[in-house]
Amino acid sequence: LLSARRDVRLAVACRLYEKGEVSLGGAAETAHLDVEGMKEALGERGIARAADTSVEAIEEMAAASLQAAGRV
């Protein structure tokens, strides 16, 4: 059923993402979409995307990346 019905694949992928059971990439794979297509599909359905990483952790990763690249 999933392989034959694009609409069902997409609905399942969106629901799994919404419940937190798969990542954005996992949902995209389930739906047979690229990540940008999955983001668009989630937005069309009013499903919010959330990062599970804090702003502080992202800033630390960015600083470490700059340091590793020799730009600091």
N, C-alpha and C. Protein backbone atom coordinates (compact mmCIF):
# COMPACT_ATOMS: atom_id res chain seq x y z
N LEU A 1 0.83 -1.21 0.00
CA LEU A 1 0.00 0.00 0.00
C LEU A 1 0.86 1.25 0.00
N LEU A 2 1.90 1.28 0.86
CA LEU A 2 2.73 2.48 0.93
C LEU A 2 3.48 2.74 -0.37
N SER A 3 3.95 1.68 -1.01
CA SER A 3 4.71 1.89 -2.25
C SER A 3 3.82 2.37 -3.38
N ALA A 4 2.55 2.01 -3.36
CA ALA A 4 1.64 2.37 -4.44
C ALA A 4 0.94 3.71 -4.22
N ARG A 5 0.83 4.15 -2.99
CA ARG A 5 0.05 5.36 -2.68
C ARG A 5 0.92 6.45 -2.08
N ARG A 6 1.30 7.42 -2.93
CA ARG A 6 2.13 8.54 -2.48
C ARG A 6 1.46 9.31 -1.35
N ASP A 7 0.16 9.52 -1.45
CA ASP A 7 -0.56 10.28 -0.43
C ASP A 7 -0.52 9.59 0.93
N VAL A 8 -0.61 8.27 0.93
CA VAL A 8 -0.56 7.51 2.18
C VAL A 8 0.85 7.56 2.77
N ARG A 9 1.88 7.40 1.90
CA ARG A 9 3.28 7.49 2.37
C ARG A 9 3.53 8.82 3.04
N LEU A 10 3.06 9.89 2.39
CA LEU A 10 3.28 11.23 2.92
C LEU A 10 2.53 11.42 4.23
N ALA A 11 1.30 10.95 4.31
CA ALA A 11 0.52 11.09 5.54
C ALA A 11 1.18 10.33 6.70
N VAL A 12 1.66 9.13 6.42
CA VAL A 12 2.34 8.34 7.45
C VAL A 12 3.62 9.03 7.89
N ALA A 13 4.40 9.51 6.94
CA ALA A 13 5.65 10.19 7.26
C ALA A 13 5.39 11.43 8.12
N CYS A 14 4.40 12.21 7.76
CA CYS A 14 4.07 13.42 8.53
C CYS A 14 3.64 13.06 9.95
N ARG A 15 2.84 12.05 10.07
CA ARG A 15 2.35 11.64 11.40
C ARG A 15 3.50 11.13 12.27
N LEU A 16 4.38 10.32 11.68
CA LEU A 16 5.53 9.80 12.44
C LEU A 16 6.43 10.94 12.89
N TYR A 17 6.64 11.93 12.01
CA TYR A 17 7.46 13.08 12.39
C TYR A 17 6.78 13.88 13.50
N GLU A 18 5.50 14.11 13.34
CA GLU A 18 4.74 14.89 14.33
C GLU A 18 4.80 14.24 15.71
N LYS A 19 4.74 12.91 15.75
CA LYS A 19 4.80 12.19 17.02
C LYS A 19 6.22 12.07 17.57
N GLY A 20 7.21 12.50 16.79
CA GLY A 20 8.60 12.43 17.23
C GLY A 20 9.23 11.05 17.08
N GLU A 21 8.62 10.21 16.27
CA GLU A 21 9.12 8.85 16.10
C GLU A 21 10.20 8.74 15.02
N VAL A 22 10.25 9.74 14.12
CA VAL A 22 11.31 9.77 13.11
C VAL A 22 11.84 11.20 12.99
N SER A 23 13.07 11.31 12.51
CA SER A 23 13.67 12.62 12.26
C SER A 23 13.12 13.17 10.95
N LEU A 24 13.50 14.38 10.64
CA LEU A 24 13.10 14.98 9.37
C LEU A 24 13.61 14.13 8.21
N GLY A 25 14.85 13.70 8.30
CA GLY A 25 15.41 12.85 7.26
C GLY A 25 14.69 11.52 7.15
N GLY A 26 14.33 10.94 8.28
CA GLY A 26 13.59 9.68 8.28
C GLY A 26 12.22 9.84 7.67
N ALA A 27 11.56 10.95 7.98
CA ALA A 27 10.25 11.21 7.39
C ALA A 27 10.36 11.40 5.88
N ALA A 28 11.39 12.13 5.46
CA ALA A 28 11.61 12.34 4.03
C ALA A 28 11.84 11.01 3.31
N GLU A 29 12.62 10.14 3.93
CA GLU A 29 12.88 8.84 3.34
C GLU A 29 11.59 8.01 3.23
N THR A 30 10.79 8.03 4.27
CA THR A 30 9.53 7.31 4.26
C THR A 30 8.61 7.82 3.16
N ALA A 31 8.58 9.14 2.99
CA ALA A 31 7.70 9.76 2.00
C ALA A 31 8.28 9.73 0.59
N HIS A 32 9.53 9.29 0.45
CA HIS A 32 10.23 9.31 -0.85
C HIS A 32 10.39 10.73 -1.37
N LEU A 33 10.74 11.65 -0.46
CA LEU A 33 10.98 13.05 -0.80
C LEU A 33 12.38 13.42 -0.38
N ASP A 34 12.88 14.55 -0.90
CA ASP A 34 14.11 15.09 -0.35
C ASP A 34 13.73 15.90 0.89
N VAL A 35 14.72 16.32 1.65
CA VAL A 35 14.45 17.01 2.92
C VAL A 35 13.67 18.30 2.69
N GLU A 36 14.02 19.04 1.65
CA GLU A 36 13.30 20.29 1.38
C GLU A 36 11.84 20.03 1.03
N GLY A 37 11.58 18.98 0.28
CA GLY A 37 10.20 18.61 -0.04
C GLY A 37 9.43 18.21 1.20
N MET A 38 10.11 17.53 2.12
CA MET A 38 9.46 17.13 3.37
C MET A 38 9.15 18.34 4.23
N LYS A 39 10.07 19.29 4.28
CA LYS A 39 9.82 20.53 5.03
C LYS A 39 8.58 21.23 4.48
N GLU A 40 8.48 21.29 3.16
CA GLU A 40 7.34 21.93 2.53
C GLU A 40 6.04 21.19 2.87
N ALA A 41 6.08 19.87 2.80
CA ALA A 41 4.89 19.07 3.11
C ALA A 41 4.46 19.27 4.56
N LEU A 42 5.40 19.32 5.47
CA LEU A 42 5.06 19.56 6.88
C LEU A 42 4.44 20.93 7.06
N GLY A 43 5.02 21.93 6.41
CA GLY A 43 4.49 23.29 6.51
C GLY A 43 3.08 23.40 5.97
N GLU A 44 2.82 22.73 4.85
CA GLU A 44 1.48 22.74 4.25
C GLU A 44 0.45 22.13 5.18
N ARG A 45 0.88 21.22 6.03
CA ARG A 45 -0.03 20.55 6.97
C ARG A 45 -0.05 21.20 8.34
N GLY A 46 0.69 22.29 8.50
CA GLY A 46 0.72 23.01 9.77
C GLY A 46 1.48 22.28 10.86
N ILE A 47 2.39 21.39 10.48
CA ILE A 47 3.18 20.64 11.45
C ILE A 47 4.47 21.40 11.70
N ALA A 48 4.66 21.83 12.93
CA ALA A 48 5.84 22.61 13.27
C ALA A 48 7.08 21.73 13.31
N ARG A 49 8.17 22.29 12.81
CA ARG A 49 9.45 21.59 12.91
C ARG A 49 10.19 22.16 14.11
N ALA A 50 10.79 21.28 14.87
CA ALA A 50 11.51 21.72 16.07
C ALA A 50 12.90 21.12 16.08
N ALA A 51 13.84 21.94 16.46
CA ALA A 51 15.21 21.44 16.63
C ALA A 51 15.34 20.92 18.05
N ASP A 52 15.98 19.78 18.20
CA ASP A 52 16.15 19.23 19.53
C ASP A 52 17.47 19.67 20.16
N THR A 53 18.12 20.63 19.52
CA THR A 53 19.39 21.14 20.02
C THR A 53 19.17 22.56 20.51
N SER A 54 19.74 22.88 21.67
CA SER A 54 19.57 24.22 22.23
C SER A 54 20.41 25.23 21.46
N VAL A 55 20.04 26.49 21.62
CA VAL A 55 20.79 27.57 20.97
C VAL A 55 22.24 27.56 21.45
N GLU A 56 22.43 27.32 22.74
CA GLU A 56 23.79 27.28 23.29
C GLU A 56 24.63 26.18 22.65
N ALA A 57 24.03 25.02 22.46
CA ALA A 57 24.75 23.90 21.84
C ALA A 57 25.10 24.23 20.40
N ILE A 58 24.21 24.88 19.70
CA ILE A 58 24.48 25.27 18.31
C ILE A 58 25.61 26.29 18.26
N GLU A 59 25.59 27.26 19.18
CA GLU A 59 26.66 28.25 19.22
C GLU A 59 28.01 27.61 19.53
N GLU A 60 28.01 26.63 20.42
CA GLU A 60 29.26 25.91 20.74
C GLU A 60 29.77 25.15 19.52
N MET A 61 28.86 24.50 18.79
CA MET A 61 29.26 23.77 17.58
C MET A 61 29.83 24.72 16.53
N ALA A 62 29.20 25.88 16.38
CA ALA A 62 29.68 26.87 15.41
C ALA A 62 31.07 27.36 15.80
N ALA A 63 31.27 27.68 17.08
CA ALA A 63 32.57 28.15 17.54
C ALA A 63 33.65 27.06 17.34
N ALA A 64 33.31 25.84 17.64
CA ALA A 64 34.27 24.73 17.45
C ALA A 64 34.59 24.55 15.98
N SER A 65 33.62 24.70 15.11
CA SER A 65 33.84 24.58 13.67
C SER A 65 34.76 25.69 13.17
N LEU A 66 34.51 26.90 13.62
CA LEU A 66 35.37 28.03 13.23
C LEU A 66 36.81 27.81 13.71
N GLN A 67 36.95 27.34 14.93
CA GLN A 67 38.26 27.08 15.48
C GLN A 67 38.97 25.97 14.69
N ALA A 68 38.26 24.91 14.37
CA ALA A 68 38.84 23.80 13.61
C ALA A 68 39.26 24.25 12.21
N ALA A 69 38.54 25.22 11.66
CA ALA A 69 38.86 25.74 10.34
C ALA A 69 39.96 26.79 10.39
N GLY A 70 40.40 27.13 11.60
CA GLY A 70 41.47 28.13 11.76
C GLY A 70 40.99 29.55 11.54
N ARG A 71 39.74 29.80 11.74
CA ARG A 71 39.19 31.13 11.51
C ARG A 71 38.99 31.92 12.80
N VAL A 72 39.46 31.39 13.91
CA VAL A 72 39.35 32.09 15.19
C VAL A 72 40.72 32.27 15.77
